Amino acid sequence: MPSDRQMKRIILWLIIIIFISFSAAIVLFILSGDTWFTAAWIDDGFSLTGLLGYDILP
């Protein structure tokens, strides 16, 4: 069984690896040129209607 200090170090490294992986996934998604998120804003004039699929304001 690892000591408390080693456990803290292992957990810290796991958190760092997960954070870097998540950040890399976001960057690669943006660089891929996929516009499913921004296309809703552009097509609908920056309202939430295109993003949510329905108008939240009457």
PDB file of N, CA and C in Angstrom:
ATOM      1  N   MET A   1       0.852  -1.194   0.000  1.00  0.00           N
ATOM      2  CA  MET A   1       0.000   0.000   0.000  1.00  0.00           C
ATOM      3  C   MET A   1       0.889   1.247   0.000  1.00  0.00           C
ATOM      4  N   PRO A   2       0.659   2.149  -0.959  1.00  0.00           N
ATOM      5  CA  PRO A   2       1.475   3.368  -1.005  1.00  0.00           C
ATOM      6  C   PRO A   2       1.218   4.268   0.207  1.00  0.00           C
ATOM      7  N   SER A   3       2.205   5.059   0.527  1.00  0.00           N
ATOM      8  CA  SER A   3       2.045   5.997   1.637  1.00  0.00           C
ATOM      9  C   SER A   3       1.094   7.127   1.235  1.00  0.00           C
ATOM     10  N   ASP A   4       0.701   7.913   2.220  1.00  0.00           N
ATOM     11  CA  ASP A   4      -0.223   9.024   1.949  1.00  0.00           C
ATOM     12  C   ASP A   4       0.371  10.016   0.949  1.00  0.00           C
ATOM     13  N   ARG A   5       1.660  10.268   1.081  1.00  0.00           N
ATOM     14  CA  ARG A   5       2.302  11.215   0.167  1.00  0.00           C
ATOM     15  C   ARG A   5       2.274  10.685  -1.268  1.00  0.00           C
ATOM     16  N   GLN A   6       2.539   9.391  -1.420  1.00  0.00           N
ATOM     17  CA  GLN A   6       2.504   8.794  -2.754  1.00  0.00           C
ATOM     18  C   GLN A   6       1.087   8.798  -3.318  1.00  0.00           C
ATOM     19  N   MET A   7       0.097   8.550  -2.479  1.00  0.00           N
ATOM     20  CA  MET A   7      -1.296   8.560  -2.938  1.00  0.00           C
ATOM     21  C   MET A   7      -1.694   9.954  -3.416  1.00  0.00           C
ATOM     22  N   LYS A   8      -1.299  10.971  -2.669  1.00  0.00           N
ATOM     23  CA  LYS A   8      -1.600  12.342  -3.078  1.00  0.00           C
ATOM     24  C   LYS A   8      -0.936  12.666  -4.411  1.00  0.00           C
ATOM     25  N   ARG A   9       0.292  12.197  -4.588  1.00  0.00           N
ATOM     26  CA  ARG A   9       1.007  12.446  -5.837  1.00  0.00           C
ATOM     27  C   ARG A   9       0.329  11.717  -7.009  1.00  0.00           C
ATOM     28  N   ILE A  10      -0.104  10.481  -6.780  1.00  0.00           N
ATOM     29  CA  ILE A  10      -0.792   9.713  -7.825  1.00  0.00           C
ATOM     30  C   ILE A  10      -2.099  10.389  -8.211  1.00  0.00           C
ATOM     31  N   ILE A  11      -2.870  10.813  -7.217  1.00  0.00           N
ATOM     32  CA  ILE A  11      -4.149  11.475  -7.485  1.00  0.00           C
ATOM     33  C   ILE A  11      -3.917  12.792  -8.220  1.00  0.00           C
ATOM     34  N   LEU A  12      -2.905  13.537  -7.820  1.00  0.00           N
ATOM     35  CA  LEU A  12      -2.590  14.798  -8.493  1.00  0.00           C
ATOM     36  C   LEU A  12      -2.229  14.559  -9.957  1.00  0.00           C
ATOM     37  N   TRP A  13      -1.420  13.540 -10.232  1.00  0.00           N
ATOM     38  CA  TRP A  13      -1.054  13.227 -11.614  1.00  0.00           C
ATOM     39  C   TRP A  13      -2.267  12.792 -12.419  1.00  0.00           C
ATOM     40  N   LEU A  14      -3.160  12.023 -11.812  1.00  0.00           N
ATOM     41  CA  LEU A  14      -4.375  11.611 -12.522  1.00  0.00           C
ATOM     42  C   LEU A  14      -5.228  12.822 -12.890  1.00  0.00           C
ATOM     43  N   ILE A  15      -5.371  13.758 -11.956  1.00  0.00           N
ATOM     44  CA  ILE A  15      -6.146  14.970 -12.227  1.00  0.00           C
ATOM     45  C   ILE A  15      -5.490  15.779 -13.346  1.00  0.00           C
ATOM     46  N   ILE A  16      -4.173  15.899 -13.314  1.00  0.00           N
ATOM     47  CA  ILE A  16      -3.457  16.641 -14.356  1.00  0.00           C
ATOM     48  C   ILE A  16      -3.644  15.977 -15.715  1.00  0.00           C
ATOM     49  N   ILE A  17      -3.532  14.655 -15.762  1.00  0.00           N
ATOM     50  CA  ILE A  17      -3.687  13.931 -17.029  1.00  0.00           C
ATOM     51  C   ILE A  17      -5.097  14.097 -17.577  1.00  0.00           C
ATOM     52  N   ILE A  18      -6.098  13.996 -16.715  1.00  0.00           N
ATOM     53  CA  ILE A  18      -7.487  14.164 -17.160  1.00  0.00           C
ATOM     54  C   ILE A  18      -7.708  15.582 -17.678  1.00  0.00           C
ATOM     55  N   PHE A  19      -7.187  16.580 -16.981  1.00  0.00           N
ATOM     56  CA  PHE A  19      -7.348  17.970 -17.401  1.00  0.00           C
ATOM     57  C   PHE A  19      -6.682  18.222 -18.751  1.00  0.00           C
ATOM     58  N   ILE A  20      -5.468  17.720 -18.920  1.00  0.00           N
ATOM     59  CA  ILE A  20      -4.762  17.916 -20.189  1.00  0.00           C
ATOM     60  C   ILE A  20      -5.494  17.202 -21.320  1.00  0.00           C
ATOM     61  N   SER A  21      -5.997  16.001 -21.055  1.00  0.00           N
ATOM     62  CA  SER A  21      -6.730  15.258 -22.085  1.00  0.00           C
ATOM     63  C   SER A  21      -7.998  15.994 -22.489  1.00  0.00           C
ATOM     64  N   PHE A  22      -8.718  16.509 -21.511  1.00  0.00           N
ATOM     65  CA  PHE A  22      -9.945  17.246 -21.794  1.00  0.00           C
ATOM     66  C   PHE A  22      -9.639  18.519 -22.583  1.00  0.00           C
ATOM     67  N   SER A  23      -8.591  19.221 -22.186  1.00  0.00           N
ATOM     68  CA  SER A  23      -8.201  20.441 -22.902  1.00  0.00           C
ATOM     69  C   SER A  23      -7.792  20.125 -24.337  1.00  0.00           C
ATOM     70  N   ALA A  24      -7.045  19.052 -24.527  1.00  0.00           N
ATOM     71  CA  ALA A  24      -6.625  18.665 -25.874  1.00  0.00           C
ATOM     72  C   ALA A  24      -7.829  18.293 -26.730  1.00  0.00           C
ATOM     73  N   ALA A  25      -8.811  17.620 -26.133  1.00  0.00           N
ATOM     74  CA  ALA A  25     -10.008  17.254 -26.887  1.00  0.00           C
ATOM     75  C   ALA A  25     -10.761  18.501 -27.344  1.00  0.00           C
ATOM     76  N   ILE A  26     -10.862  19.498 -26.481  1.00  0.00           N
ATOM     77  CA  ILE A  26     -11.548  20.740 -26.849  1.00  0.00           C
ATOM     78  C   ILE A  26     -10.790  21.457 -27.966  1.00  0.00           C
ATOM     79  N   VAL A  27      -9.471  21.551 -27.835  1.00  0.00           N
ATOM     80  CA  VAL A  27      -8.667  22.226 -28.858  1.00  0.00           C
ATOM     81  C   VAL A  27      -8.779  21.499 -30.196  1.00  0.00           C
ATOM     82  N   LEU A  28      -8.686  20.179 -30.185  1.00  0.00           N
ATOM     83  CA  LEU A  28      -8.792  19.419 -31.431  1.00  0.00           C
ATOM     84  C   LEU A  28     -10.178  19.552 -32.043  1.00  0.00           C
ATOM     85  N   PHE A  29     -11.208  19.608 -31.204  1.00  0.00           N
ATOM     86  CA  PHE A  29     -12.563  19.786 -31.719  1.00  0.00           C
ATOM     87  C   PHE A  29     -12.703  21.141 -32.408  1.00  0.00           C
ATOM     88  N   ILE A  30     -12.148  22.186 -31.792  1.00  0.00           N
ATOM     89  CA  ILE A  30     -12.214  23.520 -32.394  1.00  0.00           C
ATOM     90  C   ILE A  30     -11.410  23.551 -33.696  1.00  0.00           C
ATOM     91  N   LEU A  31     -10.230  22.957 -33.686  1.00  0.00           N
ATOM     92  CA  LEU A  31      -9.382  22.969 -34.875  1.00  0.00           C
ATOM     93  C   LEU A  31      -9.932  22.097 -36.001  1.00  0.00           C
ATOM     94  N   SER A  32     -10.806  21.158 -35.674  1.00  0.00           N
ATOM     95  CA  SER A  32     -11.356  20.279 -36.710  1.00  0.00           C
ATOM     96  C   SER A  32     -12.290  21.035 -37.643  1.00  0.00           C
ATOM     97  N   GLY A  33     -12.766  22.197 -37.213  1.00  0.00           N
ATOM     98  CA  GLY A  33     -13.630  23.004 -38.064  1.00  0.00           C
ATOM     99  C   GLY A  33     -15.094  22.628 -37.977  1.00  0.00           C
ATOM    100  N   ASP A  34     -15.447  21.777 -37.043  1.00  0.00           N
ATOM    101  CA  ASP A  34     -16.852  21.405 -36.883  1.00  0.00           C
ATOM    102  C   ASP A  34     -17.620  22.613 -36.354  1.00  0.00           C
ATOM    103  N   THR A  35     -18.750  22.928 -36.998  1.00  0.00           N
ATOM    104  CA  THR A  35     -19.463  24.164 -36.656  1.00  0.00           C
ATOM    105  C   THR A  35     -20.856  23.903 -36.111  1.00  0.00           C
ATOM    106  N   TRP A  36     -21.103  22.740 -35.519  1.00  0.00           N
ATOM    107  CA  TRP A  36     -22.455  22.460 -35.025  1.00  0.00           C
ATOM    108  C   TRP A  36     -22.862  23.449 -33.937  1.00  0.00           C
ATOM    109  N   PHE A  37     -21.891  23.949 -33.185  1.00  0.00           N
ATOM    110  CA  PHE A  37     -22.207  24.862 -32.090  1.00  0.00           C
ATOM    111  C   PHE A  37     -22.320  26.300 -32.586  1.00  0.00           C
ATOM    112  N   THR A  38     -21.342  26.749 -33.354  1.00  0.00           N
ATOM    113  CA  THR A  38     -21.344  28.139 -33.812  1.00  0.00           C
ATOM    114  C   THR A  38     -22.320  28.358 -34.958  1.00  0.00           C
ATOM    115  N   ALA A  39     -22.653  27.313 -35.721  1.00  0.00           N
ATOM    116  CA  ALA A  39     -23.577  27.475 -36.843  1.00  0.00           C
ATOM    117  C   ALA A  39     -24.957  27.894 -36.346  1.00  0.00           C
ATOM    118  N   ALA A  40     -25.359  27.429 -35.175  1.00  0.00           N
ATOM    119  CA  ALA A  40     -26.661  27.806 -34.630  1.00  0.00           C
ATOM    120  C   ALA A  40     -26.694  29.306 -34.351  1.00  0.00           C
ATOM    121  N   TRP A  41     -25.586  29.866 -33.883  1.00  0.00           N
ATOM    122  CA  TRP A  41     -25.537  31.303 -33.622  1.00  0.00           C
ATOM    123  C   TRP A  41     -25.541  32.090 -34.920  1.00  0.00           C
ATOM    124  N   ILE A  42     -24.757  31.635 -35.880  1.00  0.00           N
ATOM    125  CA  ILE A  42     -24.623  32.373 -37.139  1.00  0.00           C
ATOM    126  C   ILE A  42     -25.942  32.353 -37.910  1.00  0.00           C
ATOM    127  N   ASP A  43     -26.583  31.193 -37.999  1.00  0.00           N
ATOM    128  CA  ASP A  43     -27.823  31.066 -38.763  1.00  0.00           C
ATOM    129  C   ASP A  43     -28.971  31.838 -38.131  1.00  0.00           C
ATOM    130  N   ASP A  44     -28.984  31.918 -36.813  1.00  0.00           N
ATOM    131  CA  ASP A  44     -30.135  32.484 -36.129  1.00  0.00           C
ATOM    132  C   ASP A  44     -29.850  33.867 -35.552  1.00  0.00           C
ATOM    133  N   GLY A  45     -28.755  34.458 -35.907  1.00  0.00           N
ATOM    134  CA  GLY A  45     -28.463  35.800 -35.418  1.00  0.00           C
ATOM    135  C   GLY A  45     -28.130  35.846 -33.944  1.00  0.00           C
ATOM    136  N   PHE A  46     -27.365  34.891 -33.458  1.00  0.00           N
ATOM    137  CA  PHE A  46     -26.890  34.870 -32.080  1.00  0.00           C
ATOM    138  C   PHE A  46     -28.008  34.792 -31.044  1.00  0.00           C
ATOM    139  N   SER A  47     -29.074  34.074 -31.337  1.00  0.00           N
ATOM    140  CA  SER A  47     -30.091  33.842 -30.313  1.00  0.00           C
ATOM    141  C   SER A  47     -30.035  32.384 -29.893  1.00  0.00           C
ATOM    142  N   LEU A  48     -30.724  32.063 -28.819  1.00  0.00           N
ATOM    143  CA  LEU A  48     -30.724  30.690 -28.330  1.00  0.00           C
ATOM    144  C   LEU A  48     -31.694  29.799 -29.091  1.00  0.00           C
ATOM    145  N   THR A  49     -32.475  30.353 -30.000  1.00  0.00           N
ATOM    146  CA  THR A  49     -33.458  29.552 -30.726  1.00  0.00           C
ATOM    147  C   THR A  49     -32.774  28.453 -31.529  1.00  0.00           C
ATOM    148  N   GLY A  50     -31.756  28.805 -32.280  1.00  0.00           N
ATOM    149  CA  GLY A  50     -31.061  27.810 -33.083  1.00  0.00           C
ATOM    150  C   GLY A  50     -30.266  26.839 -32.242  1.00  0.00           C
ATOM    151  N   LEU A  51     -29.799  27.288 -31.097  1.00  0.00           N
ATOM    152  CA  LEU A  51     -28.985  26.442 -30.244  1.00  0.00           C
ATOM    153  C   LEU A  51     -29.833  25.412 -29.510  1.00  0.00           C
ATOM    154  N   LEU A  52     -30.983  25.833 -29.014  1.00  0.00           N
ATOM    155  CA  LEU A  52     -31.834  24.939 -28.236  1.00  0.00           C
ATOM    156  C   LEU A  52     -32.883  24.233 -29.079  1.00  0.00           C
ATOM    157  N   GLY A  53     -33.174  24.770 -30.242  1.00  0.00           N
ATOM    158  CA  GLY A  53     -34.178  24.153 -31.092  1.00  0.00           C
ATOM    159  C   GLY A  53     -35.563  24.729 -30.892  1.00  0.00           C
ATOM    160  N   TYR A  54     -35.732  25.592 -29.926  1.00  0.00           N
ATOM    161  CA  TYR A  54     -37.024  26.239 -29.707  1.00  0.00           C
ATOM    162  C   TYR A  54     -36.790  27.604 -29.080  1.00  0.00           C
ATOM    163  N   ASP A  55     -37.774  28.451 -29.187  1.00  0.00           N
ATOM    164  CA  ASP A  55     -37.640  29.812 -28.665  1.00  0.00           C
ATOM    165  C   ASP A  55     -38.049  29.825 -27.201  1.00  0.00           C
ATOM    166  N   ILE A  56     -37.162  30.302 -26.324  1.00  0.00           N
ATOM    167  CA  ILE A  56     -37.476  30.315 -24.900  1.00  0.00           C
ATOM    168  C   ILE A  56     -38.237  31.573 -24.497  1.00  0.00           C
ATOM    169  N   LEU A  57     -38.215  32.578 -25.358  1.00  0.00           N
ATOM    170  CA  LEU A  57     -38.944  33.804 -25.056  1.00  0.00           C
ATOM    171  C   LEU A  57     -40.226  33.849 -25.872  1.00  0.00           C
ATOM    172  N   PRO A  58     -41.320  34.294 -25.273  1.00  0.00           N
ATOM    173  CA  PRO A  58     -42.587  34.349 -26.020  1.00  0.00           C
ATOM    174  C   PRO A  58     -42.566  35.413 -27.101  1.00  0.00           C
TER     175      PRO A  58
END
